[in-house]
Full PDB file with SEQRES, HELIX, SHEET, SSBOND, CRYST1, ORIGX, SCALE, CONECT and MASTER records, all heavy atoms in Angstrom:
SEQRES   1 A   33  LEU ARG SER LYS GLY PHE GLU PHE GLY THR THR THR GLY          
SEQRES   2 A   33  ARG PRO ARG ARG THR GLY TRP TYR ASP ALA LEU ILE THR          
SEQRES   3 A   33  ARG TYR ALA THR ARG ILE ASN                                  
HELIX    1 AA1 ALA A   23  ILE A   32  1                                  10    
CRYST1    1.000    1.000    1.000  90.00  90.00  90.00 P 1           1          
ORIGX1      1.000000  0.000000  0.000000        0.00000                         
ORIGX2      0.000000  1.000000  0.000000        0.00000                         
ORIGX3      0.000000  0.000000  1.000000        0.00000                         
SCALE1      1.000000  0.000000  0.000000        0.00000                         
SCALE2      0.000000  1.000000  0.000000        0.00000                         
SCALE3      0.000000  0.000000  1.000000        0.00000                         
ATOM      1  N   LEU A   1     142.114  43.278 155.006  1.00  0.00           N  
ATOM      2  CA  LEU A   1     143.542  43.167 154.677  1.00  0.00           C  
ATOM      3  C   LEU A   1     144.118  41.879 155.270  1.00  0.00           C  
ATOM      4  O   LEU A   1     144.909  41.191 154.631  1.00  0.00           O  
ATOM      5  CB  LEU A   1     144.313  44.383 155.211  1.00  0.00           C  
ATOM      6  CG  LEU A   1     144.029  45.734 154.539  1.00  0.00           C  
ATOM      7  CD1 LEU A   1     144.768  46.858 155.277  1.00  0.00           C  
ATOM      8  CD2 LEU A   1     144.418  45.727 153.060  1.00  0.00           C  
ATOM      9  N   ARG A   2     143.697  41.560 156.496  1.00  0.00           N  
ATOM     10  CA  ARG A   2     144.222  40.361 157.185  1.00  0.00           C  
ATOM     11  C   ARG A   2     143.805  39.093 156.453  1.00  0.00           C  
ATOM     12  O   ARG A   2     144.635  38.213 156.198  1.00  0.00           O  
ATOM     13  CB  ARG A   2     143.738  40.330 158.637  1.00  0.00           C  
ATOM     14  CG  ARG A   2     144.429  39.216 159.467  1.00  0.00           C  
ATOM     15  CD  ARG A   2     143.999  39.272 160.946  1.00  0.00           C  
ATOM     16  NE  ARG A   2     144.397  40.525 161.541  1.00  0.00           N  
ATOM     17  CZ  ARG A   2     143.575  41.474 161.908  1.00  0.00           C  
ATOM     18  NH1 ARG A   2     142.282  41.299 161.785  1.00  0.00           N  
ATOM     19  NH2 ARG A   2     143.996  42.596 162.419  1.00  0.00           N  
ATOM     20  N   SER A   3     142.538  38.978 156.114  1.00  0.00           N  
ATOM     21  CA  SER A   3     142.056  37.729 155.510  1.00  0.00           C  
ATOM     22  C   SER A   3     142.522  37.615 154.059  1.00  0.00           C  
ATOM     23  O   SER A   3     142.953  36.551 153.611  1.00  0.00           O  
ATOM     24  CB  SER A   3     140.529  37.636 155.617  1.00  0.00           C  
ATOM     25  OG  SER A   3     139.934  38.777 155.023  1.00  0.00           O  
ATOM     26  N   LYS A   4     142.459  38.726 153.324  1.00  0.00           N  
ATOM     27  CA  LYS A   4     142.840  38.683 151.915  1.00  0.00           C  
ATOM     28  C   LYS A   4     144.358  38.504 151.735  1.00  0.00           C  
ATOM     29  O   LYS A   4     144.828  37.839 150.820  1.00  0.00           O  
ATOM     30  CB  LYS A   4     142.380  39.983 151.242  1.00  0.00           C  
ATOM     31  CG  LYS A   4     142.055  39.814 149.777  1.00  0.00           C  
ATOM     32  CD  LYS A   4     141.386  41.037 149.193  1.00  0.00           C  
ATOM     33  CE  LYS A   4     141.505  40.942 147.652  1.00  0.00           C  
ATOM     34  NZ  LYS A   4     141.210  42.210 147.026  1.00  0.00           N  
ATOM     35  N   GLY A   5     145.118  39.156 152.619  1.00  0.00           N  
ATOM     36  CA  GLY A   5     146.581  39.053 152.543  1.00  0.00           C  
ATOM     37  C   GLY A   5     147.133  37.881 153.321  1.00  0.00           C  
ATOM     38  O   GLY A   5     148.348  37.680 153.376  1.00  0.00           O  
ATOM     39  N   PHE A   6     146.236  37.080 153.944  1.00  0.00           N  
ATOM     40  CA  PHE A   6     146.610  35.962 154.822  1.00  0.00           C  
ATOM     41  C   PHE A   6     147.704  36.395 155.806  1.00  0.00           C  
ATOM     42  O   PHE A   6     148.821  35.891 155.825  1.00  0.00           O  
ATOM     43  CB  PHE A   6     147.046  34.725 154.021  1.00  0.00           C  
ATOM     44  CG  PHE A   6     146.981  33.467 154.854  1.00  0.00           C  
ATOM     45  CD1 PHE A   6     145.734  32.952 155.249  1.00  0.00           C  
ATOM     46  CD2 PHE A   6     148.134  32.844 155.308  1.00  0.00           C  
ATOM     47  CE1 PHE A   6     145.673  31.831 156.080  1.00  0.00           C  
ATOM     48  CE2 PHE A   6     148.073  31.729 156.130  1.00  0.00           C  
ATOM     49  CZ  PHE A   6     146.837  31.208 156.508  1.00  0.00           C  
ATOM     50  N   GLU A   7     147.349  37.387 156.614  1.00  0.00           N  
ATOM     51  CA  GLU A   7     148.310  37.988 157.539  1.00  0.00           C  
ATOM     52  C   GLU A   7     148.317  37.281 158.889  1.00  0.00           C  
ATOM     53  O   GLU A   7     147.739  37.727 159.875  1.00  0.00           O  
ATOM     54  CB  GLU A   7     148.015  39.486 157.672  1.00  0.00           C  
ATOM     55  CG  GLU A   7     148.166  40.261 156.375  1.00  0.00           C  
ATOM     56  CD  GLU A   7     149.586  40.266 155.819  1.00  0.00           C  
ATOM     57  OE1 GLU A   7     150.517  39.796 156.520  1.00  0.00           O  
ATOM     58  OE2 GLU A   7     149.793  40.708 154.684  1.00  0.00           O  
ATOM     59  N   PHE A   8     149.040  36.158 158.901  1.00  0.00           N  
ATOM     60  CA  PHE A   8     149.248  35.409 160.135  1.00  0.00           C  
ATOM     61  C   PHE A   8     150.728  35.076 160.213  1.00  0.00           C  
ATOM     62  O   PHE A   8     151.335  34.706 159.206  1.00  0.00           O  
ATOM     63  CB  PHE A   8     148.386  34.135 160.160  1.00  0.00           C  
ATOM     64  CG  PHE A   8     146.906  34.440 160.109  1.00  0.00           C  
ATOM     65  CD1 PHE A   8     146.242  34.521 158.885  1.00  0.00           C  
ATOM     66  CD2 PHE A   8     146.196  34.691 161.267  1.00  0.00           C  
ATOM     67  CE1 PHE A   8     144.886  34.838 158.825  1.00  0.00           C  
ATOM     68  CE2 PHE A   8     144.838  35.002 161.218  1.00  0.00           C  
ATOM     69  CZ  PHE A   8     144.195  35.083 160.010  1.00  0.00           C  
ATOM     70  N   GLY A   9     151.332  35.196 161.401  1.00  0.00           N  
ATOM     71  CA  GLY A   9     152.786  35.046 161.542  1.00  0.00           C  
ATOM     72  C   GLY A   9     153.284  33.676 161.096  1.00  0.00           C  
ATOM     73  O   GLY A   9     152.697  32.655 161.460  1.00  0.00           O  
ATOM     74  N   THR A  10     154.382  33.642 160.313  1.00  0.00           N  
ATOM     75  CA  THR A  10     154.976  32.380 159.868  1.00  0.00           C  
ATOM     76  C   THR A  10     155.495  31.577 161.047  1.00  0.00           C  
ATOM     77  O   THR A  10     155.386  30.359 161.091  1.00  0.00           O  
ATOM     78  CB  THR A  10     156.154  32.653 158.888  1.00  0.00           C  
ATOM     79  OG1 THR A  10     155.686  33.463 157.822  1.00  0.00           O  
ATOM     80  CG2 THR A  10     156.732  31.372 158.338  1.00  0.00           C  
ATOM     81  N   THR A  11     156.086  32.271 162.012  1.00  0.00           N  
ATOM     82  CA  THR A  11     156.686  31.602 163.159  1.00  0.00           C  
ATOM     83  C   THR A  11     155.665  31.311 164.243  1.00  0.00           C  
ATOM     84  O   THR A  11     155.655  30.227 164.823  1.00  0.00           O  
ATOM     85  CB  THR A  11     157.835  32.461 163.738  1.00  0.00           C  
ATOM     86  OG1 THR A  11     158.806  32.644 162.719  1.00  0.00           O  
ATOM     87  CG2 THR A  11     158.490  31.800 164.942  1.00  0.00           C  
ATOM     88  N   THR A  12     154.800  32.272 164.528  1.00  0.00           N  
ATOM     89  CA  THR A  12     153.915  32.155 165.693  1.00  0.00           C  
ATOM     90  C   THR A  12     152.478  31.776 165.349  1.00  0.00           C  
ATOM     91  O   THR A  12     151.742  31.299 166.222  1.00  0.00           O  
ATOM     92  CB  THR A  12     153.856  33.504 166.437  1.00  0.00           C  
ATOM     93  OG1 THR A  12     153.354  34.491 165.504  1.00  0.00           O  
ATOM     94  CG2 THR A  12     155.234  33.929 166.922  1.00  0.00           C  
ATOM     95  N   GLY A  13     152.083  32.028 164.083  1.00  0.00           N  
ATOM     96  CA  GLY A  13     150.671  31.813 163.714  1.00  0.00           C  
ATOM     97  C   GLY A  13     149.752  32.919 164.215  1.00  0.00           C  
ATOM     98  O   GLY A  13     148.540  32.904 164.004  1.00  0.00           O  
ATOM     99  N   ARG A  14     150.352  33.934 164.918  1.00  0.00           N  
ATOM    100  CA  ARG A  14     149.531  35.011 165.461  1.00  0.00           C  
ATOM    101  C   ARG A  14     148.943  35.866 164.343  1.00  0.00           C  
ATOM    102  O   ARG A  14     149.635  36.127 163.342  1.00  0.00           O  
ATOM    103  CB  ARG A  14     150.373  35.931 166.360  1.00  0.00           C  
ATOM    104  CG  ARG A  14     150.803  35.336 167.670  1.00  0.00           C  
ATOM    105  CD  ARG A  14     151.533  36.326 168.548  1.00  0.00           C  
ATOM    106  NE  ARG A  14     152.854  36.661 168.053  1.00  0.00           N  
ATOM    107  CZ  ARG A  14     153.815  37.253 168.764  1.00  0.00           C  
ATOM    108  NH1 ARG A  14     153.600  37.570 170.000  1.00  0.00           N  
ATOM    109  NH2 ARG A  14     154.991  37.516 168.247  1.00  0.00           N  
ATOM    110  N   PRO A  15     147.670  36.316 164.482  1.00  0.00           N  
ATOM    111  CA  PRO A  15     147.135  37.246 163.487  1.00  0.00           C  
ATOM    112  C   PRO A  15     147.952  38.540 163.514  1.00  0.00           C  
ATOM    113  O   PRO A  15     148.254  39.076 164.577  1.00  0.00           O  
ATOM    114  CB  PRO A  15     145.691  37.512 163.957  1.00  0.00           C  
ATOM    115  CG  PRO A  15     145.515  36.803 165.224  1.00  0.00           C  
ATOM    116  CD  PRO A  15     146.692  36.019 165.554  1.00  0.00           C  
ATOM    117  N   ARG A  16     148.340  39.010 162.342  1.00  0.00           N  
ATOM    118  CA  ARG A  16     149.115  40.260 162.279  1.00  0.00           C  
ATOM    119  C   ARG A  16     148.175  41.458 162.410  1.00  0.00           C  
ATOM    120  O   ARG A  16     147.024  41.410 161.966  1.00  0.00           O  
ATOM    121  CB  ARG A  16     149.880  40.342 160.959  1.00  0.00           C  
ATOM    122  CG  ARG A  16     150.956  39.299 160.845  1.00  0.00           C  
ATOM    123  CD  ARG A  16     151.737  39.379 159.548  1.00  0.00           C  
ATOM    124  NE  ARG A  16     152.642  38.245 159.423  1.00  0.00           N  
ATOM    125  CZ  ARG A  16     152.839  37.552 158.308  1.00  0.00           C  
ATOM    126  NH1 ARG A  16     152.212  37.874 157.221  1.00  0.00           N  
ATOM    127  NH2 ARG A  16     153.677  36.512 158.293  1.00  0.00           N  
ATOM    128  N   ARG A  17     148.666  42.507 163.020  1.00  0.00           N  
ATOM    129  CA  ARG A  17     147.938  43.771 163.051  1.00  0.00           C  
ATOM    130  C   ARG A  17     148.064  44.407 161.670  1.00  0.00           C  
ATOM    131  O   ARG A  17     149.131  44.350 161.063  1.00  0.00           O  
ATOM    132  CB  ARG A  17     148.532  44.677 164.136  1.00  0.00           C  
ATOM    133  CG  ARG A  17     148.417  44.070 165.534  1.00  0.00           C  
ATOM    134  CD  ARG A  17     149.437  44.629 166.511  1.00  0.00           C  
ATOM    135  NE  ARG A  17     149.201  46.039 166.799  1.00  0.00           N  
ATOM    136  CZ  ARG A  17     150.050  46.835 167.441  1.00  0.00           C  
ATOM    137  NH1 ARG A  17     151.216  46.359 167.869  1.00  0.00           N  
ATOM    138  NH2 ARG A  17     149.763  48.099 167.653  1.00  0.00           N  
ATOM    139  N   THR A  18     147.000  44.995 161.157  1.00  0.00           N  
ATOM    140  CA  THR A  18     147.026  45.510 159.785  1.00  0.00           C  
ATOM    141  C   THR A  18     146.637  46.987 159.760  1.00  0.00           C  
ATOM    142  O   THR A  18     145.903  47.465 160.615  1.00  0.00           O  
ATOM    143  CB  THR A  18     146.048  44.723 158.882  1.00  0.00           C  
ATOM    144  OG1 THR A  18     144.759  44.736 159.510  1.00  0.00           O  
ATOM    145  CG2 THR A  18     146.480  43.292 158.693  1.00  0.00           C  
ATOM    146  N   GLY A  19     147.149  47.684 158.740  1.00  0.00           N  
ATOM    147  CA  GLY A  19     146.821  49.106 158.580  1.00  0.00           C  
ATOM    148  C   GLY A  19     147.167  49.565 157.169  1.00  0.00           C  
ATOM    149  O   GLY A  19     147.772  48.826 156.380  1.00  0.00           O  
ATOM    150  N   TRP A  20     146.817  50.784 156.844  1.00  0.00           N  
ATOM    151  CA  TRP A  20     147.123  51.341 155.515  1.00  0.00           C  
ATOM    152  C   TRP A  20     148.612  51.656 155.402  1.00  0.00           C  
ATOM    153  O   TRP A  20     149.321  51.716 156.400  1.00  0.00           O  
ATOM    154  CB  TRP A  20     146.288  52.603 155.265  1.00  0.00           C  
ATOM    155  CG  TRP A  20     144.796  52.369 155.278  1.00  0.00           C  
ATOM    156  CD1 TRP A  20     143.889  52.953 156.114  1.00  0.00           C  
ATOM    157  CD2 TRP A  20     144.035  51.495 154.423  1.00  0.00           C  
ATOM    158  NE1 TRP A  20     142.626  52.510 155.843  1.00  0.00           N  
ATOM    159  CE2 TRP A  20     142.685  51.601 154.792  1.00  0.00           C  
ATOM    160  CE3 TRP A  20     144.368  50.624 153.369  1.00  0.00           C  
ATOM    161  CZ2 TRP A  20     141.659  50.898 154.182  1.00  0.00           C  
ATOM    162  CZ3 TRP A  20     143.346  49.913 152.750  1.00  0.00           C  
ATOM    163  CH2 TRP A  20     142.017  50.042 153.154  1.00  0.00           C  
ATOM    164  N   TYR A  21     149.036  51.903 154.185  1.00  0.00           N  
ATOM    165  CA  TYR A  21     150.432  52.225 153.891  1.00  0.00           C  
ATOM    166  C   TYR A  21     150.838  53.512 154.616  1.00  0.00           C  
ATOM    167  O   TYR A  21     150.106  54.495 154.625  1.00  0.00           O  
ATOM    168  CB  TYR A  21     150.596  52.396 152.383  1.00  0.00           C  
ATOM    169  CG  TYR A  21     152.028  52.558 151.925  1.00  0.00           C  
ATOM    170  CD1 TYR A  21     152.823  51.442 151.657  1.00  0.00           C  
ATOM    171  CD2 TYR A  21     152.599  53.812 151.740  1.00  0.00           C  
ATOM    172  CE1 TYR A  21     154.124  51.583 151.212  1.00  0.00           C  
ATOM    173  CE2 TYR A  21     153.910  53.954 151.299  1.00  0.00           C  
ATOM    174  CZ  TYR A  21     154.667  52.831 151.042  1.00  0.00           C  
ATOM    175  OH  TYR A  21     155.971  52.963 150.607  1.00  0.00           O  
ATOM    176  N   ASP A  22     152.024  53.473 155.194  1.00  0.00           N  
ATOM    177  CA  ASP A  22     152.544  54.622 155.937  1.00  0.00           C  
ATOM    178  C   ASP A  22     153.795  55.132 155.211  1.00  0.00           C  
ATOM    179  O   ASP A  22     154.863  54.523 155.297  1.00  0.00           O  
ATOM    180  CB  ASP A  22     152.877  54.186 157.378  1.00  0.00           C  
ATOM    181  CG  ASP A  22     153.223  55.353 158.287  1.00  0.00           C  
ATOM    182  OD1 ASP A  22     153.799  56.337 157.792  1.00  0.00           O  
ATOM    183  OD2 ASP A  22     152.937  55.280 159.497  1.00  0.00           O  
ATOM    184  N   ALA A  23     153.640  56.241 154.495  1.00  0.00           N  
ATOM    185  CA  ALA A  23     154.742  56.763 153.688  1.00  0.00           C  
ATOM    186  C   ALA A  23     155.896  57.258 154.545  1.00  0.00           C  
ATOM    187  O   ALA A  23     157.057  57.224 154.121  1.00  0.00           O  
ATOM    188  CB  ALA A  23     154.235  57.893 152.793  1.00  0.00           C  
ATOM    189  N   LEU A  24     155.611  57.710 155.768  1.00  0.00           N  
ATOM    190  CA  LEU A  24     156.669  58.225 156.648  1.00  0.00           C  
ATOM    191  C   LEU A  24     157.624  57.114 157.050  1.00  0.00           C  
ATOM    192  O   LEU A  24     158.841  57.327 157.128  1.00  0.00           O  
ATOM    193  CB  LEU A  24     156.089  58.877 157.909  1.00  0.00           C  
ATOM    194  CG  LEU A  24     155.469  60.271 157.733  1.00  0.00           C  
ATOM    195  CD1 LEU A  24     154.095  60.173 157.090  1.00  0.00           C  
ATOM    196  CD2 LEU A  24     155.330  60.960 159.091  1.00  0.00           C  
ATOM    197  N   ILE A  25     157.056  55.932 157.311  1.00  0.00           N  
ATOM    198  CA  ILE A  25     157.889  54.799 157.721  1.00  0.00           C  
ATOM    199  C   ILE A  25     158.814  54.381 156.583  1.00  0.00           C  
ATOM    200  O   ILE A  25     160.007  54.144 156.802  1.00  0.00           O  
ATOM    201  CB  ILE A  25     156.990  53.638 158.216  1.00  0.00           C  
ATOM    202  CG1 ILE A  25     156.517  53.960 159.630  1.00  0.00           C  
ATOM    203  CG2 ILE A  25     157.710  52.304 158.179  1.00  0.00           C  
ATOM    204  CD1 ILE A  25     155.524  52.980 160.171  1.00  0.00           C  
ATOM    205  N   THR A  26     158.277  54.309 155.374  1.00  0.00           N  
ATOM    206  CA  THR A  26     159.116  53.916 154.232  1.00  0.00           C  
ATOM    207  C   THR A  26     160.215  54.954 153.995  1.00  0.00           C  
ATOM    208  O   THR A  26     161.367  54.601 153.726  1.00  0.00           O  
ATOM    209  CB  THR A  26     158.268  53.742 152.963  1.00  0.00           C  
ATOM    210  OG1 THR A  26     157.178  52.882 153.251  1.00  0.00           O  
ATOM    211  CG2 THR A  26     159.082  53.146 151.831  1.00  0.00           C  
ATOM    212  N   ARG A  27     159.863  56.222 154.114  1.00  0.00           N  
ATOM    213  CA  ARG A  27     160.862  57.288 153.913  1.00  0.00           C  
ATOM    214  C   ARG A  27     161.956  57.211 154.987  1.00  0.00           C  
ATOM    215  O   ARG A  27     163.142  57.381 154.709  1.00  0.00           O  
ATOM    216  CB  ARG A  27     160.162  58.650 153.983  1.00  0.00           C  
ATOM    217  CG  ARG A  27     160.921  59.762 153.343  1.00  0.00           C  
ATOM    218  CD  ARG A  27     160.091  60.925 152.856  1.00  0.00           C  
ATOM    219  NE  ARG A  27     159.221  61.497 153.866  1.00  0.00           N  
ATOM    220  CZ  ARG A  27     157.907  61.529 153.806  1.00  0.00           C  
ATOM    221  NH1 ARG A  27     157.306  61.019 152.746  1.00  0.00           N  
ATOM    222  NH2 ARG A  27     157.180  62.069 154.745  1.00  0.00           N  
ATOM    223  N   TYR A  28     161.545  56.924 156.205  1.00  0.00           N  
ATOM    224  CA  TYR A  28     162.489  56.759 157.319  1.00  0.00           C  
ATOM    225  C   TYR A  28     163.421  55.575 157.036  1.00  0.00           C  
ATOM    226  O   TYR A  28     164.642  55.679 157.175  1.00  0.00           O  
ATOM    227  CB  TYR A  28     161.687  56.536 158.608  1.00  0.00           C  
ATOM    228  CG  TYR A  28     162.493  56.228 159.841  1.00  0.00           C  
ATOM    229  CD1 TYR A  28     163.142  57.239 160.543  1.00  0.00           C  
ATOM    230  CD2 TYR A  28     162.578  54.928 160.345  1.00  0.00           C  
ATOM    231  CE1 TYR A  28     163.859  56.959 161.708  1.00  0.00           C  
ATOM    232  CE2 TYR A  28     163.288  54.641 161.499  1.00  0.00           C  
ATOM    233  CZ  TYR A  28     163.930  55.659 162.173  1.00  0.00           C  
ATOM    234  OH  TYR A  28     164.638  55.381 163.322  1.00  0.00           O  
ATOM    235  N   ALA A  29     162.831  54.456 156.616  1.00  0.00           N  
ATOM    236  CA  ALA A  29     163.622  53.254 156.320  1.00  0.00           C  
ATOM    237  C   ALA A  29     164.601  53.509 155.187  1.00  0.00           C  
ATOM    238  O   ALA A  29     165.750  53.047 155.211  1.00  0.00           O  
ATOM    239  CB  ALA A  29     162.694  52.095 155.961  1.00  0.00           C  
ATOM    240  N   THR A  30     164.170  54.258 154.181  1.00  0.00           N  
ATOM    241  CA  THR A  30     165.041  54.597 153.053  1.00  0.00           C  
ATOM    242  C   THR A  30     166.266  55.362 153.548  1.00  0.00           C  
ATOM    243  O   THR A  30     167.399  55.101 153.131  1.00  0.00           O  
ATOM    244  CB  THR A  30     164.262  55.436 152.009  1.00  0.00           C  
ATOM    245  OG1 THR A  30     163.187  54.632 151.497  1.00  0.00           O  
ATOM    246  CG2 THR A  30     165.138  55.883 150.868  1.00  0.00           C  
ATOM    247  N   ARG A  31     166.032  56.279 154.465  1.00  0.00           N  
ATOM    248  CA  ARG A  31     167.123  57.120 154.996  1.00  0.00           C  
ATOM    249  C   ARG A  31     168.075  56.318 155.887  1.00  0.00           C  
ATOM    250  O   ARG A  31     169.304  56.393 155.735  1.00  0.00           O  
ATOM    251  CB  ARG A  31     166.512  58.269 155.800  1.00  0.00           C  
ATOM    252  CG  ARG A  31     167.518  59.270 156.334  1.00  0.00           C  
ATOM    253  CD  ARG A  31     166.859  60.467 156.949  1.00  0.00           C  
ATOM    254  NE  ARG A  31     166.395  60.266 158.316  1.00  0.00           N  
ATOM    255  CZ  ARG A  31     165.156  60.306 158.736  1.00  0.00           C  
ATOM    256  NH1 ARG A  31     164.200  60.563 157.861  1.00  0.00           N  
ATOM    257  NH2 ARG A  31     164.829  60.115 160.008  1.00  0.00           N  
ATOM    258  N   ILE A  32     167.511  55.543 156.807  1.00  0.00           N  
ATOM    259  CA  ILE A  32     168.318  54.805 157.791  1.00  0.00           C  
ATOM    260  C   ILE A  32     169.187  53.738 157.120  1.00  0.00           C  
ATOM    261  O   ILE A  32     170.327  53.491 157.506  1.00  0.00           O  
ATOM    262  CB  ILE A  32     167.400  54.143 158.863  1.00  0.00           C  
ATOM    263  CG1 ILE A  32     166.668  55.196 159.689  1.00  0.00           C  
ATOM    264  CG2 ILE A  32     168.159  53.170 159.758  1.00  0.00           C  
ATOM    265  CD1 ILE A  32     167.514  56.008 160.605  1.00  0.00           C  
ATOM    266  N   ASN A  33     168.614  53.093 156.110  1.00  0.00           N  
ATOM    267  CA  ASN A  33     169.310  51.981 155.450  1.00  0.00           C  
ATOM    268  C   ASN A  33     170.099  52.394 154.212  1.00  0.00           C  
ATOM    269  O   ASN A  33     170.910  51.611 153.716  1.00  0.00           O  
ATOM    270  CB  ASN A  33     168.298  50.916 155.018  1.00  0.00           C  
ATOM    271  CG  ASN A  33     167.629  50.223 156.185  1.00  0.00           C  
ATOM    272  OD1 ASN A  33     168.258  49.484 156.916  1.00  0.00           O  
ATOM    273  ND2 ASN A  33     166.323  50.470 156.370  1.00  0.00           N  
TER     274      ASN A  33                                                      
MASTER        0    0    0    1    0    0    0    6  273    1    0    3          
END                                                                             
């Protein structure tokens, strides 16, 4: 996911931590926002 998605920070250049889709987080964000 990191290499294919080129997951490195725009500001810091740090490699991003990667993981599968988390439906709970999206549902939480939908509610909060």
